[in-house]
Amino acid sequence: MKKLVIATGNAGKLKELQALLADSGFEIISQKTLGVTDADETGLSFVENAILKARHAAKATGLPALADDSGLCVDVLGGAPGIYSARYSGEGASDASNNAKLLEALKPHRGAAALTARFVCVLALVRHADDPLPLICQAEWEGEILEAARGEQGFGYDPLFLVPTEGMSSAELPRERKNQISHRAQALQQLRARIAGFL
């Protein structure tokens, strides 16, 4: 069975990726178990950061690596927090502090209109650290930002992200349902369709 390193230190992302790739035919290994540190995310886009993370893990392990760069883009905030979603409230940011900052930033914008937003996921898969043609898959998940957190599932901004088609927040969705319709699930469906011929 071919080995594939998942280039993330985020436990929530790792859990979702492992579940979604469980029957892919690859042995899924976390970079953390191989002692790989997180890459410096110096890119200015989700695509750039995903590639940086994948190359970093591939270089450190000598194995093919898959990286996910994802985040929340809120329209009235010009796409923020965007690529800075995980560290929106500063160094050592937590899900709680990031959510609190987002709610505070949206206070002046609350009104009759829904606060539209989307979760974005970009997956980058490299065969080796210098791969000149990474496999890129990306997807968006449309929603709205709630006035207060709802639900106990998920991580990150899930409690604030209303999925209108489901009538509940991402954190209220059963895990199985989220893994069918989320931004990460959509990007992984693309990846699964293309990975066999790539690796």
C-alpha atoms as a PDB file:
ATOM      1  CA  MET A   1       0.000   0.000   0.000  1.00  0.00           C
ATOM      2  CA  LYS A   2       1.422   3.391  -0.995  1.00  0.00           C
ATOM      3  CA  LYS A   3       2.070   5.853   1.791  1.00  0.00           C
ATOM      4  CA  LEU A   4       0.678   9.386   1.721  1.00  0.00           C
ATOM      5  CA  VAL A   5       1.667  12.042   4.244  1.00  0.00           C
ATOM      6  CA  ILE A   6      -1.008  14.490   5.366  1.00  0.00           C
ATOM      7  CA  ALA A   7       0.677  17.855   5.826  1.00  0.00           C
ATOM      8  CA  THR A   8      -1.302  19.397   8.663  1.00  0.00           C
ATOM      9  CA  GLY A   9      -0.913  19.914  12.387  1.00  0.00           C
ATOM     10  CA  ASN A  10      -4.629  20.654  12.765  1.00  0.00           C
ATOM     11  CA  ALA A  11      -6.263  17.697  14.538  1.00  0.00           C
ATOM     12  CA  GLY A  12      -9.740  18.525  13.198  1.00  0.00           C
ATOM     13  CA  LYS A  13      -8.570  18.684   9.573  1.00  0.00           C
ATOM     14  CA  LEU A  14      -6.539  15.494   9.989  1.00  0.00           C
ATOM     15  CA  LYS A  15      -9.544  13.610  11.356  1.00  0.00           C
ATOM     16  CA  GLU A  16     -11.742  14.733   8.441  1.00  0.00           C
ATOM     17  CA  LEU A  17      -9.094  13.933   5.828  1.00  0.00           C
ATOM     18  CA  GLN A  18      -8.419  10.489   7.298  1.00  0.00           C
ATOM     19  CA  ALA A  19     -12.155   9.693   7.323  1.00  0.00           C
ATOM     20  CA  LEU A  20     -12.630  10.908   3.765  1.00  0.00           C
ATOM     21  CA  LEU A  21      -9.586   8.982   2.487  1.00  0.00           C
ATOM     22  CA  ALA A  22     -10.167   5.832   4.580  1.00  0.00           C
ATOM     23  CA  ASP A  23     -10.891   3.558   1.614  1.00  0.00           C
ATOM     24  CA  SER A  24      -8.654   5.312  -0.925  1.00  0.00           C
ATOM     25  CA  GLY A  25      -6.112   2.491  -1.103  1.00  0.00           C
ATOM     26  CA  PHE A  26      -3.368   4.611   0.458  1.00  0.00           C
ATOM     27  CA  GLU A  27      -1.785   4.364   3.891  1.00  0.00           C
ATOM     28  CA  ILE A  28      -2.542   7.769   5.404  1.00  0.00           C
ATOM     29  CA  ILE A  29       0.160   9.091   7.742  1.00  0.00           C
ATOM     30  CA  SER A  30       0.110  12.324   9.717  1.00  0.00           C
ATOM     31  CA  GLN A  31       3.207  14.481   9.347  1.00  0.00           C
ATOM     32  CA  LYS A  32       3.138  14.876  13.124  1.00  0.00           C
ATOM     33  CA  THR A  33       3.790  11.153  13.674  1.00  0.00           C
ATOM     34  CA  LEU A  34       6.883  11.510  11.469  1.00  0.00           C
ATOM     35  CA  GLY A  35       8.153  14.491  13.462  1.00  0.00           C
ATOM     36  CA  VAL A  36       7.531  17.047  10.715  1.00  0.00           C
ATOM     37  CA  THR A  37       6.923  20.590  11.928  1.00  0.00           C
ATOM     38  CA  ASP A  38       4.361  22.915  10.378  1.00  0.00           C
ATOM     39  CA  ALA A  39       5.516  24.850   7.322  1.00  0.00           C
ATOM     40  CA  ASP A  40       5.705  28.645   7.302  1.00  0.00           C
ATOM     41  CA  GLU A  41       2.582  29.827   5.485  1.00  0.00           C
ATOM     42  CA  THR A  42       4.076  32.760   3.598  1.00  0.00           C
ATOM     43  CA  GLY A  43       1.824  32.569   0.532  1.00  0.00           C
ATOM     44  CA  LEU A  44      -0.839  35.126  -0.303  1.00  0.00           C
ATOM     45  CA  SER A  45      -3.456  32.623  -1.435  1.00  0.00           C
ATOM     46  CA  PHE A  46      -4.918  29.286  -0.391  1.00  0.00           C
ATOM     47  CA  VAL A  47      -3.231  27.654  -3.408  1.00  0.00           C
ATOM     48  CA  GLU A  48       0.228  29.023  -2.574  1.00  0.00           C
ATOM     49  CA  ASN A  49      -0.001  27.953   1.059  1.00  0.00           C
ATOM     50  CA  ALA A  50      -1.284  24.468   0.222  1.00  0.00           C
ATOM     51  CA  ILE A  51       1.651  23.919  -2.142  1.00  0.00           C
ATOM     52  CA  LEU A  52       4.151  25.269   0.421  1.00  0.00           C
ATOM     53  CA  LYS A  53       2.844  22.867   3.060  1.00  0.00           C
ATOM     54  CA  ALA A  54       2.825  19.866   0.734  1.00  0.00           C
ATOM     55  CA  ARG A  55       6.386  20.524  -0.487  1.00  0.00           C
ATOM     56  CA  HIS A  56       7.597  20.985   3.098  1.00  0.00           C
ATOM     57  CA  ALA A  57       6.186  17.619   4.209  1.00  0.00           C
ATOM     58  CA  ALA A  58       7.436  15.817   1.091  1.00  0.00           C
ATOM     59  CA  LYS A  59      10.941  17.228   1.549  1.00  0.00           C
ATOM     60  CA  ALA A  60      11.064  16.195   5.204  1.00  0.00           C
ATOM     61  CA  THR A  61       9.732  12.663   4.643  1.00  0.00           C
ATOM     62  CA  GLY A  62      10.685  11.696   1.092  1.00  0.00           C
ATOM     63  CA  LEU A  63       7.048  10.644   0.560  1.00  0.00           C
ATOM     64  CA  PRO A  64       4.172  12.019  -1.521  1.00  0.00           C
ATOM     65  CA  ALA A  65       2.349  14.645   0.528  1.00  0.00           C
ATOM     66  CA  LEU A  66      -1.142  16.084   0.596  1.00  0.00           C
ATOM     67  CA  ALA A  67      -1.784  19.496   2.120  1.00  0.00           C
ATOM     68  CA  ASP A  68      -5.016  21.331   2.785  1.00  0.00           C
ATOM     69  CA  ASP A  69      -5.232  25.090   3.030  1.00  0.00           C
ATOM     70  CA  SER A  70      -8.679  26.247   3.899  1.00  0.00           C
ATOM     71  CA  GLY A  71     -10.515  29.029   5.592  1.00  0.00           C
ATOM     72  CA  LEU A  72     -13.570  31.212   5.839  1.00  0.00           C
ATOM     73  CA  CYS A  73     -14.183  34.152   3.491  1.00  0.00           C
ATOM     74  CA  VAL A  74     -16.849  36.654   4.557  1.00  0.00           C
ATOM     75  CA  ASP A  75     -18.124  38.953   1.817  1.00  0.00           C
ATOM     76  CA  VAL A  76     -18.686  42.144   3.848  1.00  0.00           C
ATOM     77  CA  LEU A  77     -15.164  41.803   5.263  1.00  0.00           C
ATOM     78  CA  GLY A  78     -13.597  41.702   1.813  1.00  0.00           C
ATOM     79  CA  GLY A  79     -12.913  37.988   2.058  1.00  0.00           C
ATOM     80  CA  ALA A  80     -11.426  38.069   5.572  1.00  0.00           C
ATOM     81  CA  PRO A  81     -10.354  36.168   7.549  1.00  0.00           C
ATOM     82  CA  GLY A  82      -9.387  34.199   4.417  1.00  0.00           C
ATOM     83  CA  ILE A  83      -5.910  32.656   4.483  1.00  0.00           C
ATOM     84  CA  TYR A  84      -5.481  33.993   8.023  1.00  0.00           C
ATOM     85  CA  SER A  85      -8.531  32.097   9.352  1.00  0.00           C
ATOM     86  CA  ALA A  86      -6.570  29.912  11.791  1.00  0.00           C
ATOM     87  CA  ARG A  87      -4.633  32.855  13.222  1.00  0.00           C
ATOM     88  CA  TYR A  88      -7.261  35.569  12.801  1.00  0.00           C
ATOM     89  CA  SER A  89      -7.093  36.695  16.441  1.00  0.00           C
ATOM     90  CA  GLY A  90      -3.281  36.682  16.592  1.00  0.00           C
ATOM     91  CA  GLU A  91      -0.491  34.366  17.699  1.00  0.00           C
ATOM     92  CA  GLY A  92      -1.729  31.475  19.795  1.00  0.00           C
ATOM     93  CA  ALA A  93      -5.260  31.992  18.465  1.00  0.00           C
ATOM     94  CA  SER A  94      -7.937  29.522  19.526  1.00  0.00           C
ATOM     95  CA  ASP A  95     -11.235  28.641  17.855  1.00  0.00           C
ATOM     96  CA  ALA A  96     -13.023  30.607  20.588  1.00  0.00           C
ATOM     97  CA  SER A  97     -10.898  33.744  20.171  1.00  0.00           C
ATOM     98  CA  ASN A  98     -11.184  33.627  16.376  1.00  0.00           C
ATOM     99  CA  ASN A  99     -14.967  33.273  16.567  1.00  0.00           C
ATOM    100  CA  ALA A 100     -15.204  36.125  19.071  1.00  0.00           C
ATOM    101  CA  LYS A 101     -13.152  38.414  16.822  1.00  0.00           C
ATOM    102  CA  LEU A 102     -15.296  37.533  13.813  1.00  0.00           C
ATOM    103  CA  LEU A 103     -18.533  38.311  15.641  1.00  0.00           C
ATOM    104  CA  GLU A 104     -17.085  41.632  16.825  1.00  0.00           C
ATOM    105  CA  ALA A 105     -15.940  42.548  13.292  1.00  0.00           C
ATOM    106  CA  LEU A 106     -19.429  41.833  11.946  1.00  0.00           C
ATOM    107  CA  LYS A 107     -21.364  43.925  14.486  1.00  0.00           C
ATOM    108  CA  PRO A 108     -21.446  47.063  12.293  1.00  0.00           C
ATOM    109  CA  HIS A 109     -22.706  44.996   9.371  1.00  0.00           C
ATOM    110  CA  ARG A 110     -25.670  43.333  11.059  1.00  0.00           C
ATOM    111  CA  GLY A 111     -28.945  44.277   9.456  1.00  0.00           C
ATOM    112  CA  ALA A 112     -31.675  42.936   7.238  1.00  0.00           C
ATOM    113  CA  ALA A 113     -29.355  41.278   4.728  1.00  0.00           C
ATOM    114  CA  ALA A 114     -27.764  37.914   5.439  1.00  0.00           C
ATOM    115  CA  LEU A 115     -24.020  37.964   5.972  1.00  0.00           C
ATOM    116  CA  THR A 116     -22.927  35.671   3.160  1.00  0.00           C
ATOM    117  CA  ALA A 117     -19.712  33.714   3.382  1.00  0.00           C
ATOM    118  CA  ARG A 118     -18.041  30.587   2.132  1.00  0.00           C
ATOM    119  CA  PHE A 119     -15.628  28.020   3.378  1.00  0.00           C
ATOM    120  CA  VAL A 120     -12.823  27.461   0.872  1.00  0.00           C
ATOM    121  CA  CYS A 121     -10.632  24.358   0.625  1.00  0.00           C
ATOM    122  CA  VAL A 122      -7.601  23.908  -1.608  1.00  0.00           C
ATOM    123  CA  LEU A 123      -5.843  20.541  -1.649  1.00  0.00           C
ATOM    124  CA  ALA A 124      -2.337  20.248  -3.076  1.00  0.00           C
ATOM    125  CA  LEU A 125      -0.763  16.855  -3.715  1.00  0.00           C
ATOM    126  CA  VAL A 126       2.897  16.530  -4.646  1.00  0.00           C
ATOM    127  CA  ARG A 127       4.692  13.340  -5.663  1.00  0.00           C
ATOM    128  CA  HIS A 128       7.966  14.737  -4.299  1.00  0.00           C
ATOM    129  CA  ALA A 129       9.249  18.042  -2.914  1.00  0.00           C
ATOM    130  CA  ASP A 130      10.244  19.439  -6.322  1.00  0.00           C
ATOM    131  CA  ASP A 131       7.169  18.229  -8.207  1.00  0.00           C
ATOM    132  CA  PRO A 132       6.679  20.798 -11.013  1.00  0.00           C
ATOM    133  CA  LEU A 133       3.041  19.871 -11.520  1.00  0.00           C
ATOM    134  CA  PRO A 134       1.191  19.487  -8.197  1.00  0.00           C
ATOM    135  CA  LEU A 135      -2.343  18.151  -8.320  1.00  0.00           C
ATOM    136  CA  ILE A 136      -4.642  20.979  -7.177  1.00  0.00           C
ATOM    137  CA  CYS A 137      -8.290  20.503  -6.200  1.00  0.00           C
ATOM    138  CA  GLN A 138     -10.417  23.298  -4.770  1.00  0.00           C
ATOM    139  CA  ALA A 139     -13.992  23.800  -3.665  1.00  0.00           C
ATOM    140  CA  GLU A 140     -16.246  26.309  -1.921  1.00  0.00           C
ATOM    141  CA  TRP A 141     -19.150  25.783   0.490  1.00  0.00           C
ATOM    142  CA  GLU A 142     -21.662  28.639   0.551  1.00  0.00           C
ATOM    143  CA  GLY A 143     -23.334  29.798   3.760  1.00  0.00           C
ATOM    144  CA  GLU A 144     -24.098  32.670   6.106  1.00  0.00           C
ATOM    145  CA  ILE A 145     -22.657  33.855   9.412  1.00  0.00           C
ATOM    146  CA  LEU A 146     -24.889  33.445  12.452  1.00  0.00           C
ATOM    147  CA  GLU A 147     -25.163  35.971  15.287  1.00  0.00           C
ATOM    148  CA  ALA A 148     -24.167  33.370  17.880  1.00  0.00           C
ATOM    149  CA  ALA A 149     -22.551  29.941  17.938  1.00  0.00           C
ATOM    150  CA  ARG A 150     -24.740  26.863  17.449  1.00  0.00           C
ATOM    151  CA  GLY A 151     -23.761  23.207  17.736  1.00  0.00           C
ATOM    152  CA  GLU A 152     -21.020  21.091  19.261  1.00  0.00           C
ATOM    153  CA  GLN A 153     -19.613  19.223  16.235  1.00  0.00           C
ATOM    154  CA  GLY A 154     -16.728  20.254  14.027  1.00  0.00           C
ATOM    155  CA  PHE A 155     -14.061  22.842  14.734  1.00  0.00           C
ATOM    156  CA  GLY A 156     -12.957  26.341  13.781  1.00  0.00           C
ATOM    157  CA  TYR A 157     -15.803  28.548  12.539  1.00  0.00           C
ATOM    158  CA  ASP A 158     -18.273  25.649  12.179  1.00  0.00           C
ATOM    159  CA  PRO A 159     -20.568  26.890  15.013  1.00  0.00           C
ATOM    160  CA  LEU A 160     -21.026  30.261  13.265  1.00  0.00           C
ATOM    161  CA  PHE A 161     -21.466  28.940   9.723  1.00  0.00           C
ATOM    162  CA  LEU A 162     -25.107  28.482   8.743  1.00  0.00           C
ATOM    163  CA  VAL A 163     -25.713  26.038   5.907  1.00  0.00           C
ATOM    164  CA  PRO A 164     -29.005  27.359   4.449  1.00  0.00           C
ATOM    165  CA  THR A 165     -29.763  24.174   2.500  1.00  0.00           C
ATOM    166  CA  GLU A 166     -29.604  22.170   5.744  1.00  0.00           C
ATOM    167  CA  GLY A 167     -31.180  24.760   8.066  1.00  0.00           C
ATOM    168  CA  MET A 168     -28.434  24.342  10.645  1.00  0.00           C
ATOM    169  CA  SER A 169     -24.888  25.338  11.405  1.00  0.00           C
ATOM    170  CA  SER A 170     -21.939  23.263  10.254  1.00  0.00           C
ATOM    171  CA  ALA A 171     -21.386  22.362  13.923  1.00  0.00           C
ATOM    172  CA  GLU A 172     -24.939  20.983  14.161  1.00  0.00           C
ATOM    173  CA  LEU A 173     -24.590  18.709  11.152  1.00  0.00           C
ATOM    174  CA  PRO A 174     -24.026  15.007  11.777  1.00  0.00           C
ATOM    175  CA  ARG A 175     -20.386  14.258  10.923  1.00  0.00           C
ATOM    176  CA  GLU A 176     -21.441  11.908   8.113  1.00  0.00           C
ATOM    177  CA  ARG A 177     -23.501  14.641   6.476  1.00  0.00           C
ATOM    178  CA  LYS A 178     -20.741  17.233   6.785  1.00  0.00           C
ATOM    179  CA  ASN A 179     -18.352  14.762   5.164  1.00  0.00           C
ATOM    180  CA  GLN A 180     -20.698  14.598   2.171  1.00  0.00           C
ATOM    181  CA  ILE A 181     -21.243  18.304   1.488  1.00  0.00           C
ATOM    182  CA  SER A 182     -18.444  20.413   3.015  1.00  0.00           C
ATOM    183  CA  HIS A 183     -15.779  22.319   1.090  1.00  0.00           C
ATOM    184  CA  ARG A 184     -13.210  19.701   2.136  1.00  0.00           C
ATOM    185  CA  ALA A 185     -15.485  16.840   1.105  1.00  0.00           C
ATOM    186  CA  GLN A 186     -16.071  18.404  -2.323  1.00  0.00           C
ATOM    187  CA  ALA A 187     -12.342  18.977  -2.900  1.00  0.00           C
ATOM    188  CA  LEU A 188     -11.559  15.427  -1.798  1.00  0.00           C
ATOM    189  CA  GLN A 189     -14.133  13.993  -4.183  1.00  0.00           C
ATOM    190  CA  GLN A 190     -12.228  15.704  -6.991  1.00  0.00           C
ATOM    191  CA  LEU A 191      -8.950  14.360  -5.599  1.00  0.00           C
ATOM    192  CA  ARG A 192     -10.222  10.794  -5.314  1.00  0.00           C
ATOM    193  CA  ALA A 193     -11.257  10.861  -8.967  1.00  0.00           C
ATOM    194  CA  ARG A 194      -7.770  11.923 -10.042  1.00  0.00           C
ATOM    195  CA  ILE A 195      -5.325  10.461  -7.518  1.00  0.00           C
ATOM    196  CA  ALA A 196      -4.973   6.935  -8.958  1.00  0.00           C
ATOM    197  CA  GLY A 197      -3.438   8.142 -12.197  1.00  0.00           C
ATOM    198  CA  PHE A 198      -1.352  10.769 -10.439  1.00  0.00           C
ATOM    199  CA  LEU A 199       0.567   8.706  -7.857  1.00  0.00           C
END
